[in-house]
Amino acid sequence: MPDNERSSHTTRAEWIRHCRRTGLYEQGRLLYERGGLRLDSLSEEAQVAVEEDYRVCVRMMAREGAGKKARRGRDPETGQGRLFQ
């Protein structure tokens, strides 16, 4: 993609914030890690905000992953395997 068609770093930071607010945690993480965001092009306040948004996305993904793992396995009441998760 040509540089003149790429979004600004400020816009990318806003997208990450939007992902955090709407529960699109994986997309927010990917935008931060692979989206070409340059923190040094943002103000110090914006850097802190986008880093916090990223940390929340990663933390919520881990929390959701832990919840999915906890639902697998055997039903604690019957001791039988679950068909649906």
N, C-alpha and C. Protein backbone atom coordinates (compact mmCIF):
# COMPACT_ATOMS: atom_id res chain seq x y z
N MET A 1 0.85 -1.17 0.00
CA MET A 1 0.00 0.00 0.00
C MET A 1 0.91 1.24 0.00
N PRO A 2 0.63 2.17 -0.87
CA PRO A 2 1.44 3.39 -0.92
C PRO A 2 1.32 4.19 0.38
N ASP A 3 2.39 4.88 0.74
CA ASP A 3 2.40 5.65 1.99
C ASP A 3 1.30 6.70 2.03
N ASN A 4 0.98 7.30 0.89
CA ASN A 4 -0.04 8.35 0.89
C ASN A 4 -1.45 7.81 1.12
N GLU A 5 -1.64 6.49 1.02
CA GLU A 5 -2.94 5.88 1.29
C GLU A 5 -3.03 5.27 2.68
N ARG A 6 -1.92 5.24 3.40
CA ARG A 6 -1.92 4.68 4.76
C ARG A 6 -2.57 5.68 5.73
N SER A 7 -3.17 5.13 6.76
CA SER A 7 -3.76 5.98 7.79
C SER A 7 -2.66 6.57 8.66
N SER A 8 -2.98 7.67 9.32
CA SER A 8 -2.00 8.29 10.20
C SER A 8 -1.86 7.47 11.48
N HIS A 9 -0.80 7.73 12.20
CA HIS A 9 -0.57 7.01 13.46
C HIS A 9 -1.64 7.38 14.48
N THR A 10 -2.11 8.61 14.42
CA THR A 10 -3.19 9.03 15.32
C THR A 10 -4.46 8.24 15.03
N THR A 11 -4.75 8.04 13.76
CA THR A 11 -5.93 7.27 13.38
C THR A 11 -5.81 5.82 13.84
N ARG A 12 -4.63 5.25 13.71
CA ARG A 12 -4.43 3.87 14.16
C ARG A 12 -4.62 3.76 15.67
N ALA A 13 -4.14 4.74 16.40
CA ALA A 13 -4.34 4.75 17.85
C ALA A 13 -5.83 4.83 18.18
N GLU A 14 -6.57 5.62 17.42
CA GLU A 14 -8.02 5.72 17.63
C GLU A 14 -8.71 4.39 17.32
N TRP A 15 -8.24 3.68 16.31
CA TRP A 15 -8.81 2.37 15.97
C TRP A 15 -8.58 1.39 17.11
N ILE A 16 -7.40 1.42 17.71
CA ILE A 16 -7.10 0.53 18.83
C ILE A 16 -8.03 0.85 20.00
N ARG A 17 -8.26 2.13 20.26
CA ARG A 17 -9.19 2.53 21.32
C ARG A 17 -10.58 2.02 21.01
N HIS A 18 -11.00 2.13 19.76
CA HIS A 18 -12.32 1.65 19.36
C HIS A 18 -12.44 0.13 19.57
N CYS A 19 -11.38 -0.59 19.22
CA CYS A 19 -11.39 -2.05 19.42
C CYS A 19 -11.55 -2.38 20.90
N ARG A 20 -10.85 -1.66 21.74
CA ARG A 20 -10.96 -1.89 23.19
C ARG A 20 -12.39 -1.64 23.66
N ARG A 21 -12.97 -0.56 23.23
CA ARG A 21 -14.32 -0.19 23.70
C ARG A 21 -15.41 -1.10 23.19
N THR A 22 -15.20 -1.70 22.03
CA THR A 22 -16.25 -2.53 21.44
C THR A 22 -16.02 -4.02 21.62
N GLY A 23 -14.95 -4.38 22.33
CA GLY A 23 -14.69 -5.79 22.61
C GLY A 23 -13.98 -6.52 21.49
N LEU A 24 -13.40 -5.81 20.55
CA LEU A 24 -12.64 -6.42 19.46
C LEU A 24 -11.18 -6.51 19.88
N TYR A 25 -10.95 -7.28 20.94
CA TYR A 25 -9.64 -7.30 21.58
C TYR A 25 -8.54 -7.86 20.68
N GLU A 26 -8.85 -8.91 19.94
CA GLU A 26 -7.83 -9.49 19.07
C GLU A 26 -7.43 -8.51 17.97
N GLN A 27 -8.41 -7.81 17.41
CA GLN A 27 -8.11 -6.83 16.37
C GLN A 27 -7.28 -5.67 16.93
N GLY A 28 -7.60 -5.25 18.15
CA GLY A 28 -6.82 -4.18 18.78
C GLY A 28 -5.38 -4.61 19.00
N ARG A 29 -5.18 -5.84 19.44
CA ARG A 29 -3.83 -6.35 19.64
C ARG A 29 -3.07 -6.40 18.32
N LEU A 30 -3.73 -6.89 17.29
CA LEU A 30 -3.07 -6.99 15.98
C LEU A 30 -2.72 -5.62 15.43
N LEU A 31 -3.62 -4.65 15.58
CA LEU A 31 -3.32 -3.29 15.11
C LEU A 31 -2.10 -2.73 15.82
N TYR A 32 -2.01 -2.96 17.11
CA TYR A 32 -0.86 -2.45 17.87
C TYR A 32 0.42 -3.16 17.47
N GLU A 33 0.37 -4.47 17.36
CA GLU A 33 1.59 -5.25 17.12
C GLU A 33 2.03 -5.26 15.66
N ARG A 34 1.08 -5.23 14.74
CA ARG A 34 1.44 -5.38 13.32
C ARG A 34 0.97 -4.23 12.44
N GLY A 35 0.32 -3.25 13.01
CA GLY A 35 -0.28 -2.18 12.21
C GLY A 35 0.67 -1.07 11.80
N GLY A 36 1.92 -1.16 12.19
CA GLY A 36 2.88 -0.14 11.80
C GLY A 36 2.78 1.13 12.62
N LEU A 37 2.20 1.04 13.79
CA LEU A 37 2.06 2.20 14.66
C LEU A 37 3.42 2.62 15.20
N ARG A 38 3.74 3.89 15.06
CA ARG A 38 4.99 4.44 15.60
C ARG A 38 4.63 5.32 16.79
N LEU A 39 4.94 4.85 17.97
CA LEU A 39 4.59 5.59 19.18
C LEU A 39 5.28 6.94 19.24
N ASP A 40 6.49 7.03 18.71
CA ASP A 40 7.22 8.29 18.79
C ASP A 40 6.58 9.41 17.97
N SER A 41 5.63 9.06 17.10
CA SER A 41 4.94 10.08 16.32
C SER A 41 3.71 10.62 17.05
N LEU A 42 3.40 10.05 18.22
CA LEU A 42 2.24 10.49 19.01
C LEU A 42 2.72 11.34 20.18
N SER A 43 1.79 12.12 20.73
CA SER A 43 2.11 12.87 21.94
C SER A 43 2.30 11.90 23.09
N GLU A 44 2.93 12.37 24.14
CA GLU A 44 3.18 11.49 25.30
C GLU A 44 1.86 10.98 25.88
N GLU A 45 0.88 11.83 25.93
CA GLU A 45 -0.44 11.44 26.45
C GLU A 45 -1.08 10.36 25.57
N ALA A 46 -0.98 10.53 24.26
CA ALA A 46 -1.54 9.55 23.33
C ALA A 46 -0.78 8.24 23.41
N GLN A 47 0.54 8.29 23.61
CA GLN A 47 1.34 7.07 23.77
C GLN A 47 0.87 6.26 24.97
N VAL A 48 0.68 6.95 26.09
CA VAL A 48 0.23 6.27 27.31
C VAL A 48 -1.15 5.66 27.09
N ALA A 49 -2.04 6.40 26.42
CA ALA A 49 -3.40 5.91 26.20
C ALA A 49 -3.42 4.67 25.31
N VAL A 50 -2.67 4.69 24.22
CA VAL A 50 -2.69 3.56 23.30
C VAL A 50 -2.00 2.34 23.93
N GLU A 51 -0.98 2.56 24.73
CA GLU A 51 -0.35 1.43 25.42
C GLU A 51 -1.31 0.80 26.43
N GLU A 52 -2.08 1.63 27.11
CA GLU A 52 -3.08 1.10 28.05
C GLU A 52 -4.18 0.34 27.30
N ASP A 53 -4.62 0.88 26.17
CA ASP A 53 -5.63 0.19 25.36
C ASP A 53 -5.12 -1.18 24.92
N TYR A 54 -3.86 -1.23 24.51
CA TYR A 54 -3.25 -2.50 24.09
C TYR A 54 -3.21 -3.48 25.25
N ARG A 55 -2.76 -3.02 26.42
CA ARG A 55 -2.68 -3.91 27.58
C ARG A 55 -4.05 -4.45 27.95
N VAL A 56 -5.08 -3.62 27.86
CA VAL A 56 -6.44 -4.09 28.16
C VAL A 56 -6.87 -5.15 27.15
N CYS A 57 -6.57 -4.94 25.88
CA CYS A 57 -6.92 -5.92 24.85
C CYS A 57 -6.25 -7.27 25.14
N VAL A 58 -4.96 -7.24 25.45
CA VAL A 58 -4.24 -8.48 25.74
C VAL A 58 -4.80 -9.15 26.99
N ARG A 59 -5.07 -8.37 28.02
CA ARG A 59 -5.59 -8.93 29.28
C ARG A 59 -6.97 -9.55 29.06
N MET A 60 -7.83 -8.87 28.30
CA MET A 60 -9.18 -9.40 28.07
C MET A 60 -9.14 -10.65 27.19
N MET A 61 -8.21 -10.70 26.25
CA MET A 61 -8.07 -11.92 25.44
C MET A 61 -7.65 -13.09 26.32
N ALA A 62 -6.73 -12.84 27.25
CA ALA A 62 -6.29 -13.90 28.17
C ALA A 62 -7.44 -14.33 29.06
N ARG A 63 -8.24 -13.39 29.52
CA ARG A 63 -9.37 -13.70 30.38
C ARG A 63 -10.40 -14.52 29.62
N GLU A 64 -10.68 -14.14 28.38
CA GLU A 64 -11.64 -14.89 27.57
C GLU A 64 -11.12 -16.28 27.26
N GLY A 65 -9.82 -16.39 26.99
CA GLY A 65 -9.22 -17.70 26.72
C GLY A 65 -9.30 -18.61 27.93
N ALA A 66 -9.10 -18.06 29.12
CA ALA A 66 -9.19 -18.85 30.35
C ALA A 66 -10.62 -19.32 30.57
N GLY A 67 -11.59 -18.50 30.23
CA GLY A 67 -12.99 -18.89 30.38
C GLY A 67 -13.37 -20.02 29.45
N LYS A 68 -12.84 -20.00 28.24
CA LYS A 68 -13.13 -21.08 27.29
C LYS A 68 -12.51 -22.38 27.76
N LYS A 69 -11.31 -22.32 28.29
CA LYS A 69 -10.64 -23.54 28.78
C LYS A 69 -11.39 -24.11 29.98
N ALA A 70 -11.93 -23.26 30.83
CA ALA A 70 -12.62 -23.72 32.02
C ALA A 70 -13.92 -24.45 31.68
N ARG A 71 -14.54 -24.12 30.55
CA ARG A 71 -15.80 -24.75 30.17
C ARG A 71 -15.62 -26.10 29.51
N ARG A 72 -14.42 -26.43 29.11
CA ARG A 72 -14.18 -27.72 28.46
C ARG A 72 -14.05 -28.83 29.49
N GLY A 73 -14.14 -30.03 29.01
CA GLY A 73 -13.94 -31.15 29.92
C GLY A 73 -15.24 -31.79 30.33
N ARG A 74 -15.27 -32.25 31.54
CA ARG A 74 -16.43 -32.99 32.04
C ARG A 74 -17.35 -32.08 32.85
N ASP A 75 -18.61 -32.41 32.78
CA ASP A 75 -19.61 -31.70 33.57
C ASP A 75 -19.40 -32.06 35.04
N PRO A 76 -19.23 -31.08 35.93
CA PRO A 76 -18.95 -31.40 37.33
C PRO A 76 -20.10 -32.13 38.03
N GLU A 77 -21.33 -31.97 37.57
CA GLU A 77 -22.47 -32.61 38.23
C GLU A 77 -22.62 -34.07 37.82
N THR A 78 -22.46 -34.35 36.52
CA THR A 78 -22.70 -35.71 36.04
C THR A 78 -21.42 -36.50 35.81
N GLY A 79 -20.30 -35.81 35.67
CA GLY A 79 -19.04 -36.50 35.40
C GLY A 79 -18.89 -36.94 33.95
N GLN A 80 -19.87 -36.59 33.10
CA GLN A 80 -19.82 -36.97 31.69
C GLN A 80 -19.18 -35.84 30.87
N GLY A 81 -18.63 -36.23 29.72
CA GLY A 81 -18.05 -35.24 28.82
C GLY A 81 -19.14 -34.35 28.25
N ARG A 82 -18.78 -33.13 27.96
CA ARG A 82 -19.74 -32.18 27.39
C ARG A 82 -19.70 -32.26 25.86
N LEU A 83 -20.86 -32.21 25.27
CA LEU A 83 -20.94 -32.19 23.81
C LEU A 83 -20.82 -30.79 23.27
N PHE A 84 -21.35 -29.83 23.99
CA PHE A 84 -21.36 -28.45 23.53
C PHE A 84 -20.63 -27.57 24.51
N GLN A 85 -19.96 -26.55 23.97
CA GLN A 85 -19.18 -25.67 24.86
C GLN A 85 -19.72 -24.27 24.78
